[in-house]
Amino acid sequence: MPKKKKKNLSSRLNTFVSEFGKNVFSIDTRVLFCKYCETKVDSERRSSVIQHLKTEKHLRSVKRKENQQETKCQQLLTNDLPSKKSKFNLDLCKAMVSANIPLNKLSNIEFRTFLEVYSRKDVPTESVLRKFYLDDCYNEMMEKIRQRVFDRKIWVSLDETTDAEGRYIANVIIGSLEEDTAGPIFLLNTEALEKTNHSTVSKLFDKSLSILWPDGIRHDNVLLFLSDAAPYMVKCGKSLNALYSKMVHVTCAAHGLHRVSKEVQNQFGTVDKIVANVKKIFKKALSRIQILKNYAPDIPLPPEPIIT
């Protein structure tokens, strides 16, 4: 009997596309192309095609594509939300922010199920709260702050620190100055700075007060500026006095005490060397610390320094 003719290339490629789907493979002239991996696939044998579908690279590509589609669908759903906002969603967002609970905790299955069971409400996703309700919470809180301190004399405290990613994060705190009692205190602004110097801090100071007084900063209502004793903060306080003529700049008392202690340390060099040597002997030496505790259990170890 005569042998059957081998299928031509085009027919074979179309067979693979029909079998595994047009969303997986496409034909580019004489090549079978995988859409997920964006690479050509050996199409000489069916086993080679199946082997490609089982590779780790292909499976990762399929998973990534599915995640992208899921995210896209979620965004379309959130964009189609009705104009009328849910009071439950607003109260939930406000409660979580006030309790310092990250909004991404709503993705936790146990927490989400708990809220749905006991509130009998449809719990929104993190993205819904972030896009449609977080700004409302912020504006509502800012309005409360303005009502409490709008016409009062205030103090301003500004300090910066570094976060886990090494960014310079500055916080601005304000409070009203009362005659007989301590006034309310509020976190007014938090901002990431490119660098910390008197110029960036001065701009942040003005920007924060313009948030408090959007119709115009009331310079004469700012009576006190509290900060650490860093040189750029001292310089910032002097430059701000040109605009805030009634403001007094007070630096941190701990920094003042530190400068006094450094002066005492410089006056007693021998004592300083003794303390440094004793500290060096016991620093990170567990065996020596144990010997000291065995022979003199009532003698304490050198105190750890307080770093501010």
Protein backbone atom coordinates (compact mmCIF):
# COMPACT_ATOMS: atom_id res chain seq x y z
CA MET A 1 0.00 0.00 0.00
CA PRO A 2 1.29 3.51 -0.74
CA LYS A 3 2.32 5.58 2.30
CA LYS A 4 0.10 8.51 3.32
CA LYS A 5 1.57 11.87 2.56
CA LYS A 6 2.89 13.74 5.52
CA LYS A 7 0.82 16.77 6.49
CA ASN A 8 2.28 19.98 5.14
CA LEU A 9 3.71 22.51 7.61
CA SER A 10 0.86 25.02 7.43
CA SER A 11 -1.76 22.36 8.14
CA ARG A 12 0.24 21.02 11.11
CA LEU A 13 0.64 24.48 12.64
CA ASN A 14 -3.08 25.20 12.26
CA THR A 15 -3.82 21.91 14.00
CA PHE A 16 -1.80 22.97 17.05
CA VAL A 17 -3.53 26.36 17.15
CA SER A 18 -6.96 24.71 16.96
CA GLU A 19 -6.07 22.12 19.63
CA PHE A 20 -4.46 24.39 22.24
CA GLY A 21 -6.26 27.65 21.48
CA LYS A 22 -5.65 30.90 19.66
CA ASN A 23 -4.95 32.60 23.00
CA VAL A 24 -1.90 30.30 23.45
CA PHE A 25 -0.37 29.94 19.97
CA SER A 26 -0.26 31.95 16.79
CA ILE A 27 1.31 31.29 13.40
CA ASP A 28 3.98 33.59 12.06
CA THR A 29 4.70 32.51 8.47
CA ARG A 30 6.22 29.04 9.05
CA VAL A 31 6.75 29.32 12.82
CA LEU A 32 4.57 28.33 15.78
CA PHE A 33 4.68 31.25 18.25
CA CYS A 34 3.76 31.07 21.97
CA LYS A 35 1.93 34.25 22.99
CA TYR A 36 2.54 33.78 26.71
CA CYS A 37 6.31 33.23 26.46
CA GLU A 38 6.75 35.41 23.35
CA THR A 39 9.01 32.82 21.74
CA LYS A 40 8.88 30.31 18.88
CA VAL A 41 8.15 26.65 19.65
CA ASP A 42 9.49 23.50 17.99
CA SER A 43 6.54 22.18 15.96
CA GLU A 44 8.09 19.13 14.34
CA ARG A 45 6.36 16.78 16.79
CA ARG A 46 3.29 17.15 18.98
CA SER A 47 5.28 15.91 21.98
CA SER A 48 7.64 18.90 21.63
CA VAL A 49 4.70 21.30 21.80
CA ILE A 50 3.28 19.57 24.89
CA GLN A 51 6.71 19.60 26.50
CA HIS A 52 6.87 23.39 26.01
CA LEU A 53 3.46 23.81 27.66
CA LYS A 54 4.77 22.01 30.75
CA THR A 55 7.95 24.08 31.14
CA GLU A 56 8.33 26.27 34.22
CA LYS A 57 8.77 29.39 32.08
CA HIS A 58 5.45 28.82 30.28
CA LEU A 59 3.56 28.11 33.51
CA ARG A 60 4.96 31.31 35.08
CA SER A 61 3.95 33.31 32.01
CA VAL A 62 0.41 31.93 32.12
CA LYS A 63 0.12 32.76 35.83
CA ARG A 64 1.39 36.29 35.27
CA LYS A 65 -1.10 36.86 32.44
CA GLU A 66 -3.98 35.61 34.58
CA ASN A 67 -2.99 37.97 37.41
CA GLN A 68 -2.88 40.89 34.99
CA GLN A 69 -6.34 40.05 33.67
CA GLU A 70 -7.71 39.75 37.22
CA THR A 71 -6.25 43.14 38.18
CA LYS A 72 -7.68 44.72 35.04
CA CYS A 73 -11.15 43.32 35.76
CA GLN A 74 -10.97 44.57 39.35
CA GLN A 75 -10.05 48.06 38.17
CA LEU A 76 -12.95 48.08 35.70
CA LEU A 77 -15.33 47.08 38.47
CA THR A 78 -14.10 49.80 40.83
CA ASN A 79 -14.29 52.44 38.09
CA ASP A 80 -17.94 51.55 37.51
CA LEU A 81 -18.95 52.18 41.12
CA PRO A 82 -22.08 54.29 41.56
CA SER A 83 -21.69 57.97 42.35
CA LYS A 84 -23.44 57.55 45.71
CA LYS A 85 -20.87 56.41 48.25
CA SER A 86 -21.51 53.84 50.94
CA LYS A 87 -21.59 55.10 54.53
CA PHE A 88 -20.41 51.68 55.71
CA ASN A 89 -17.36 51.89 53.45
CA LEU A 90 -16.60 55.41 54.66
CA ASP A 91 -16.94 54.42 58.33
CA LEU A 92 -14.82 51.30 57.76
CA CYS A 93 -12.05 53.34 56.12
CA LYS A 94 -12.18 55.92 58.91
CA ALA A 95 -12.04 53.24 61.62
CA MET A 96 -9.09 51.41 60.06
CA VAL A 97 -7.08 54.60 59.52
CA SER A 98 -7.84 55.85 63.06
CA ALA A 99 -6.79 52.49 64.54
CA ASN A 100 -3.61 52.44 62.42
CA ILE A 101 -4.72 49.26 60.61
CA PRO A 102 -3.27 49.04 57.06
CA LEU A 103 -5.97 48.90 54.40
CA ASN A 104 -4.34 45.86 52.78
CA LYS A 105 -5.49 43.82 55.80
CA LEU A 106 -8.84 43.63 54.01
CA SER A 107 -7.26 41.07 51.68
CA ASN A 108 -6.84 38.70 54.65
CA ILE A 109 -9.50 36.00 54.23
CA GLU A 110 -10.16 35.51 57.96
CA PHE A 111 -10.47 39.23 58.67
CA ARG A 112 -12.66 39.79 55.62
CA THR A 113 -14.94 36.87 56.50
CA PHE A 114 -15.28 38.14 60.08
CA LEU A 115 -16.40 41.57 58.86
CA GLU A 116 -18.86 40.12 56.35
CA VAL A 117 -20.42 37.71 58.87
CA TYR A 118 -20.92 40.16 61.73
CA SER A 119 -21.63 43.33 59.76
CA ARG A 120 -23.74 41.56 57.10
CA LYS A 121 -22.36 44.03 54.58
CA ASP A 122 -20.36 43.65 51.39
CA VAL A 123 -16.82 44.46 52.50
CA PRO A 124 -14.96 46.61 49.93
CA THR A 125 -11.48 45.90 48.65
CA GLU A 126 -8.43 47.91 49.61
CA SER A 127 -8.34 49.67 46.24
CA VAL A 128 -11.96 50.85 46.59
CA LEU A 129 -11.28 52.46 49.97
CA ARG A 130 -8.03 53.99 48.78
CA LYS A 131 -9.50 55.47 45.58
CA PHE A 132 -12.95 56.59 46.71
CA TYR A 133 -13.00 57.03 50.51
CA LEU A 134 -9.54 57.84 51.87
CA ASP A 135 -9.58 61.41 50.55
CA ASP A 136 -12.95 61.99 52.21
CA CYS A 137 -11.54 60.82 55.56
CA TYR A 138 -8.56 63.15 55.14
CA ASN A 139 -10.71 66.17 54.23
CA GLU A 140 -13.06 65.51 57.14
CA MET A 141 -10.17 65.32 59.61
CA MET A 142 -8.54 68.48 58.21
CA GLU A 143 -11.83 70.33 58.66
CA LYS A 144 -11.97 69.20 62.31
CA ILE A 145 -8.39 70.41 62.88
CA ARG A 146 -9.19 73.81 61.36
CA GLN A 147 -12.25 74.19 63.57
CA ARG A 148 -10.20 73.45 66.70
CA VAL A 149 -7.22 75.73 66.04
CA PHE A 150 -8.32 78.15 63.29
CA ASP A 151 -8.45 81.36 65.38
CA ARG A 152 -6.13 80.25 68.18
CA LYS A 153 -2.46 80.82 68.87
CA ILE A 154 -0.53 77.66 68.03
CA TRP A 155 2.82 75.94 68.43
CA VAL A 156 4.50 73.92 65.67
CA SER A 157 6.88 70.99 66.09
CA LEU A 158 8.85 69.60 63.16
CA ASP A 159 11.18 66.61 63.08
CA GLU A 160 12.50 64.21 60.46
CA THR A 161 13.55 60.59 60.52
CA THR A 162 14.42 57.84 58.04
CA ASP A 163 12.07 55.01 57.16
CA ALA A 164 12.88 51.37 56.33
CA GLU A 165 13.77 52.33 52.75
CA GLY A 166 16.16 55.10 53.80
CA ARG A 167 13.88 57.99 52.78
CA TYR A 168 13.80 61.23 54.79
CA ILE A 169 10.32 61.49 56.31
CA ALA A 170 9.36 64.75 58.03
CA ASN A 171 6.38 65.10 60.39
CA VAL A 172 4.72 68.38 61.34
CA ILE A 173 2.72 68.46 64.59
CA ILE A 174 0.68 71.43 65.80
CA GLY A 175 -1.23 72.27 68.96
CA SER A 176 -3.19 75.19 70.35
CA LEU A 177 -1.77 77.29 73.18
CA GLU A 178 -4.30 77.49 76.03
CA GLU A 179 -4.09 79.66 79.11
CA ASP A 180 -4.77 77.09 81.83
CA THR A 181 -4.68 73.65 80.21
CA ALA A 182 -2.81 71.77 77.53
CA GLY A 183 -4.47 72.23 74.15
CA PRO A 184 -5.27 69.53 71.58
CA ILE A 185 -2.40 68.15 69.47
CA PHE A 186 -2.67 67.12 65.82
CA LEU A 187 -0.44 65.59 63.17
CA LEU A 188 -0.82 68.18 60.40
CA ASN A 189 1.44 66.89 57.64
CA THR A 190 3.85 64.08 56.75
CA GLU A 191 6.11 64.38 53.74
CA ALA A 192 9.12 62.68 52.16
CA LEU A 193 12.04 65.06 51.60
CA GLU A 194 14.70 64.67 48.94
CA LYS A 195 17.29 65.92 51.44
CA THR A 196 17.28 67.57 54.83
CA ASN A 197 18.55 71.13 55.06
CA HIS A 198 17.22 74.48 56.25
CA SER A 199 15.73 75.22 52.81
CA THR A 200 13.61 72.05 52.49
CA VAL A 201 12.50 72.27 56.13
CA SER A 202 11.48 75.93 55.74
CA LYS A 203 9.42 75.09 52.65
CA LEU A 204 7.74 72.21 54.49
CA PHE A 205 6.95 74.52 57.43
CA ASP A 206 5.22 77.05 55.15
CA LYS A 207 3.46 74.36 53.10
CA SER A 208 2.04 72.70 56.22
CA LEU A 209 0.63 75.96 57.57
CA SER A 210 -0.90 76.75 54.18
CA ILE A 211 -2.79 73.44 54.53
CA LEU A 212 -4.09 74.63 57.90
CA TRP A 213 -4.95 78.10 56.60
CA PRO A 214 -5.75 77.67 52.87
CA ASP A 215 -7.03 81.27 52.57
CA GLY A 216 -3.76 82.70 53.83
CA ILE A 217 -1.28 81.86 56.58
CA ARG A 218 -1.91 83.70 59.84
CA HIS A 219 1.70 84.45 60.68
CA ASP A 220 0.96 86.23 63.96
CA ASN A 221 -0.86 83.16 65.33
CA VAL A 222 2.32 81.04 65.27
CA LEU A 223 4.05 81.72 68.58
CA LEU A 224 6.29 78.69 69.17
CA PHE A 225 8.49 76.49 66.97
CA LEU A 226 9.85 73.31 68.58
CA SER A 227 12.62 71.23 66.99
CA ASP A 228 15.86 69.44 67.73
CA ALA A 229 19.15 71.33 67.91
CA ALA A 230 20.53 70.21 64.55
CA PRO A 231 22.42 73.07 62.82
CA TYR A 232 20.03 73.13 59.84
CA MET A 233 17.05 73.37 62.21
CA VAL A 234 18.63 76.32 64.04
CA LYS A 235 19.26 78.01 60.68
CA CYS A 236 15.69 77.25 59.63
CA GLY A 237 14.33 78.87 62.79
CA LYS A 238 16.33 82.04 62.14
CA SER A 239 15.14 82.30 58.53
CA LEU A 240 11.49 81.73 59.51
CA ASN A 241 11.62 84.57 62.05
CA ALA A 242 11.58 87.03 59.15
CA LEU A 243 8.02 85.89 58.28
CA TYR A 244 6.81 84.80 61.71
CA SER A 245 7.89 87.79 63.78
CA LYS A 246 6.16 86.66 66.99
CA MET A 247 7.49 83.11 66.85
CA VAL A 248 10.07 81.85 69.35
CA HIS A 249 12.27 78.89 68.33
CA VAL A 250 12.91 76.43 71.18
CA THR A 251 15.27 73.49 70.65
CA CYS A 252 15.02 70.08 72.33
CA ALA A 253 16.08 70.01 76.00
CA ALA A 254 17.71 66.59 75.55
CA HIS A 255 20.10 68.06 72.98
CA GLY A 256 20.94 70.89 75.37
CA LEU A 257 21.72 68.42 78.16
CA HIS A 258 23.82 66.42 75.71
CA ARG A 259 25.94 69.49 74.91
CA VAL A 260 26.39 70.16 78.64
CA SER A 261 27.47 66.56 79.26
CA LYS A 262 29.94 66.74 76.36
CA GLU A 263 31.49 69.83 77.93
CA VAL A 264 31.80 68.01 81.28
CA GLN A 265 33.35 65.05 79.47
CA ASN A 266 35.95 67.32 77.87
CA GLN A 267 36.87 68.82 81.25
CA PHE A 268 37.60 65.41 82.84
CA GLY A 269 39.68 63.58 80.25
CA THR A 270 41.17 60.98 82.64
CA VAL A 271 37.76 59.91 83.95
CA ASP A 272 36.52 59.71 80.38
CA LYS A 273 39.37 57.34 79.45
CA ILE A 274 38.66 55.09 82.47
CA VAL A 275 34.97 54.85 81.55
CA ALA A 276 35.83 54.16 77.90
CA ASN A 277 38.30 51.37 78.81
CA VAL A 278 35.88 49.67 81.22
CA LYS A 279 33.21 49.82 78.55
CA LYS A 280 35.61 48.40 75.96
CA ILE A 281 36.56 45.49 78.24
CA PHE A 282 32.97 44.32 78.70
CA LYS A 283 31.57 45.31 75.31
CA LYS A 284 30.44 42.14 73.47
CA ALA A 285 32.46 39.92 75.86
CA LEU A 286 29.95 37.54 77.44
CA SER A 287 32.63 35.52 79.25
CA ARG A 288 33.97 38.62 81.06
CA ILE A 289 30.45 39.74 81.94
CA GLN A 290 29.74 36.32 83.46
CA ILE A 291 32.97 36.42 85.51
CA LEU A 292 32.03 39.88 86.86
CA LYS A 293 28.56 38.66 87.84
CA ASN A 294 30.04 35.62 89.62
CA TYR A 295 32.60 37.60 91.67
CA ALA A 296 30.65 40.83 92.18
CA PRO A 297 26.93 40.24 91.58
CA ASP A 298 25.95 43.60 93.13
CA ILE A 299 28.07 45.72 90.75
CA PRO A 300 26.06 46.77 87.66
CA LEU A 301 27.45 46.88 84.14
CA PRO A 302 28.23 50.23 82.47
CA PRO A 303 24.97 51.84 81.29
CA GLU A 304 24.10 51.95 77.61
CA PRO A 305 24.19 55.45 76.09
CA ILE A 306 20.92 57.13 75.10
CA ILE A 307 20.99 58.02 71.41
CA THR A 308 18.58 60.70 70.12
